[in-house]
C-alpha atoms as a PDB file:
ATOM      1  CA  MET A   1      58.121   1.057  16.929  1.00  0.00           C
ATOM      2  CA  ALA A   2      55.538   3.456  18.053  1.00  0.00           C
ATOM      3  CA  ILE A   3      53.095   4.858  15.601  1.00  0.00           C
ATOM      4  CA  LYS A   4      53.023   8.572  15.633  1.00  0.00           C
ATOM      5  CA  THR A   5      49.659  10.225  15.100  1.00  0.00           C
ATOM      6  CA  LYS A   6      49.056  13.820  14.266  1.00  0.00           C
ATOM      7  CA  PRO A   7      46.820  15.727  16.562  1.00  0.00           C
ATOM      8  CA  LEU A   8      43.478  16.719  15.011  1.00  0.00           C
ATOM      9  CA  ASN A   9      43.003  20.332  14.134  1.00  0.00           C
ATOM     10  CA  LYS A  10      39.884  22.157  15.129  1.00  0.00           C
ATOM     11  CA  ILE A  11      38.083  21.635  11.811  1.00  0.00           C
ATOM     12  CA  GLN A  12      38.662  17.877  11.817  1.00  0.00           C
ATOM     13  CA  ALA A  13      37.532  17.609  15.453  1.00  0.00           C
ATOM     14  CA  THR A  14      34.414  19.621  14.718  1.00  0.00           C
ATOM     15  CA  ILE A  15      33.558  17.503  11.663  1.00  0.00           C
ATOM     16  CA  GLY A  16      34.142  14.283  13.614  1.00  0.00           C
ATOM     17  CA  LEU A  17      32.019  15.423  16.509  1.00  0.00           C
ATOM     18  CA  SER A  18      29.296  16.586  14.117  1.00  0.00           C
ATOM     19  CA  LEU A  19      29.243  13.185  12.348  1.00  0.00           C
ATOM     20  CA  LEU A  20      29.055  11.384  15.691  1.00  0.00           C
ATOM     21  CA  LEU A  21      26.128  13.531  16.868  1.00  0.00           C
ATOM     22  CA  PHE A  22      24.388  13.082  13.515  1.00  0.00           C
ATOM     23  CA  ALA A  23      24.754   9.275  13.765  1.00  0.00           C
ATOM     24  CA  ILE A  24      23.316   9.320  17.280  1.00  0.00           C
ATOM     25  CA  MET A  25      20.384  11.493  16.175  1.00  0.00           C
ATOM     26  CA  VAL A  26      19.621   9.154  13.236  1.00  0.00           C
ATOM     27  CA  GLY A  27      19.750   6.160  15.560  1.00  0.00           C
ATOM     28  CA  VAL A  28      17.388   7.786  18.007  1.00  0.00           C
ATOM     29  CA  ALA A  29      15.013   8.869  15.202  1.00  0.00           C
ATOM     30  CA  VAL A  30      14.828   5.382  13.778  1.00  0.00           C
ATOM     31  CA  PHE A  31      14.778   3.191  16.880  1.00  0.00           C
ATOM     32  CA  SER A  32      13.108   5.279  19.594  1.00  0.00           C
ATOM     33  CA  ASP A  33       9.527   4.775  20.740  1.00  0.00           C
ATOM     34  CA  ASP A  34       8.374   7.690  18.592  1.00  0.00           C
ATOM     35  CA  GLY A  35      10.700   6.910  15.711  1.00  0.00           C
ATOM     36  CA  VAL A  36      10.303   5.894  12.112  1.00  0.00           C
ATOM     37  CA  MET A  37       9.678   2.215  12.925  1.00  0.00           C
ATOM     38  CA  THR A  38       6.699   3.219  15.073  1.00  0.00           C
ATOM     39  CA  VAL A  39       5.284   5.250  12.212  1.00  0.00           C
ATOM     40  CA  PHE A  40       5.419   2.190   9.936  1.00  0.00           C
ATOM     41  CA  ASN A  41       3.576   0.171  12.583  1.00  0.00           C
ATOM     42  CA  PHE A  42       0.931   2.853  12.848  1.00  0.00           C
ATOM     43  CA  ASN A  43       0.466   2.742   9.085  1.00  0.00           C
ATOM     44  CA  ASP A  44      -0.188  -1.011   9.284  1.00  0.00           C
ATOM     45  CA  ASP A  45      -2.689  -0.456  12.093  1.00  0.00           C
ATOM     46  CA  LEU A  46      -4.353   2.312  10.084  1.00  0.00           C
ATOM     47  CA  GLU A  47      -4.893  -0.038   7.124  1.00  0.00           C
ATOM     48  CA  LYS A  48      -6.441  -2.715   9.358  1.00  0.00           C
ATOM     49  CA  LEU A  49      -8.756  -0.102  10.878  1.00  0.00           C
ATOM     50  CA  LYS A  50      -9.789   1.148   7.430  1.00  0.00           C
ATOM     51  CA  GLN A  51     -10.668  -2.406   6.369  1.00  0.00           C
ATOM     52  CA  GLY A  52     -12.656  -2.901   9.577  1.00  0.00           C
ATOM     53  CA  ASN A  53     -14.473   0.357   8.984  1.00  0.00           C
ATOM     54  CA  ALA A  54     -15.352  -0.636   5.406  1.00  0.00           C
ATOM     55  CA  SER A  55     -16.877  -3.902   6.599  1.00  0.00           C
ATOM     56  CA  LEU A  56     -18.836  -2.081   9.310  1.00  0.00           C
ATOM     57  CA  VAL A  57     -20.152   0.373   6.735  1.00  0.00           C
ATOM     58  CA  GLN A  58     -21.416  -2.544   4.651  1.00  0.00           C
ATOM     59  CA  GLU A  59     -23.026  -4.166   7.697  1.00  0.00           C
ATOM     60  CA  ASN A  60     -24.681  -0.854   8.613  1.00  0.00           C
ATOM     61  CA  LYS A  61     -26.085  -0.505   5.107  1.00  0.00           C
ATOM     62  CA  GLY A  62     -27.613  -3.982   5.340  1.00  0.00           C
ATOM     63  CA  LEU A  63     -29.088  -3.247   8.748  1.00  0.00           C
ATOM     64  CA  GLN A  64     -30.482   0.048   7.471  1.00  0.00           C
ATOM     65  CA  LYS A  65     -32.220  -1.787   4.625  1.00  0.00           C
ATOM     66  CA  GLU A  66     -33.653  -4.287   7.090  1.00  0.00           C
ATOM     67  CA  ILE A  67     -34.934  -1.411   9.288  1.00  0.00           C
ATOM     68  CA  GLU A  68     -36.617   0.257   6.318  1.00  0.00           C
ATOM     69  CA  ALA A  69     -38.214  -3.033   5.291  1.00  0.00           C
ATOM     70  CA  LEU A  70     -39.499  -3.615   8.816  1.00  0.00           C
ATOM     71  CA  LYS A  71     -41.003  -0.097   8.859  1.00  0.00           C
ATOM     72  CA  LYS A  72     -42.761  -0.443   5.495  1.00  0.00           C
ATOM     73  CA  ASP A  73     -43.329  -4.111   4.720  1.00  0.00           C
ATOM     74  CA  PRO A  74     -45.647  -6.226   6.924  1.00  0.00           C
ATOM     75  CA  LEU A  75     -44.281  -9.402   5.298  1.00  0.00           C
ATOM     76  CA  ALA A  76     -40.813  -8.499   6.486  1.00  0.00           C
ATOM     77  CA  VAL A  77     -42.133  -8.138  10.046  1.00  0.00           C
ATOM     78  CA  GLU A  78     -43.841 -11.516   9.765  1.00  0.00           C
ATOM     79  CA  ARG A  79     -40.648 -13.137   8.395  1.00  0.00           C
ATOM     80  CA  VAL A  80     -38.599 -11.810  11.318  1.00  0.00           C
ATOM     81  CA  ALA A  81     -41.238 -12.879  13.790  1.00  0.00           C
ATOM     82  CA  ARG A  82     -41.310 -16.409  12.373  1.00  0.00           C
ATOM     83  CA  GLU A  83     -37.564 -16.875  11.875  1.00  0.00           C
ATOM     84  CA  LYS A  84     -36.067 -15.124  14.877  1.00  0.00           C
ATOM     85  CA  LEU A  85     -38.839 -15.227  17.447  1.00  0.00           C
ATOM     86  CA  ASN A  86     -40.390 -18.595  16.460  1.00  0.00           C
ATOM     87  CA  LEU A  87     -43.911 -17.121  16.432  1.00  0.00           C
ATOM     88  CA  VAL A  88     -46.904 -18.554  14.566  1.00  0.00           C
ATOM     89  CA  ARG A  89     -50.268 -17.159  13.557  1.00  0.00           C
ATOM     90  CA  PRO A  90     -53.262 -18.063  15.632  1.00  0.00           C
ATOM     91  CA  GLY A  91     -54.742 -21.343  14.493  1.00  0.00           C
ATOM     92  CA  GLU A  92     -51.531 -22.574  12.804  1.00  0.00           C
ATOM     93  CA  THR A  93     -50.166 -25.950  13.819  1.00  0.00           C
ATOM     94  CA  VAL A  94     -46.434 -26.321  14.039  1.00  0.00           C
ATOM     95  CA  TYR A  95     -44.893 -29.666  13.122  1.00  0.00           C
ATOM     96  CA  ARG A  96     -41.372 -30.413  14.249  1.00  0.00           C
ATOM     97  CA  ILE A  97     -39.482 -33.182  12.599  1.00  0.00           C
ATOM     98  CA  VAL A  98     -37.244 -34.909  15.088  1.00  0.00           C
ATOM     99  CA  PRO A  99     -34.661 -37.282  13.692  1.00  0.00           C
ATOM    100  CA  HIS A 100     -34.832 -40.824  14.985  1.00  0.00           C
ATOM    101  CA  PRO A 101     -31.795 -41.791  17.015  1.00  0.00           C
ATOM    102  CA  ASP A 102     -29.705 -44.420  15.289  1.00  0.00           C
ATOM    103  CA  LYS A 103     -29.972 -47.867  16.809  1.00  0.00           C
ATOM    104  CA  PRO A 104     -26.689 -49.735  17.388  1.00  0.00           C
END
């Protein structure tokens, strides 16, 4: 028993071909290198960059305050010289406490 099929008319063939091409276009749009999935990945990267920028803005504000303090406040200059450069005033004696090594 052979199954008889009707040949497709022009409208049905055109609709079928159109649906096939549409499905291919959607697949390419979603899964290609420049597709929708890539856009979602770019959005994630954008959020990470925005967070990084926000932290850098805060760091820059802190550094700007430190710069202003160093320009105007001599005590701030002295603090930086003592803490970061290990400088002392003339005539000061520096005492260093060295922990005693534990004896076995």
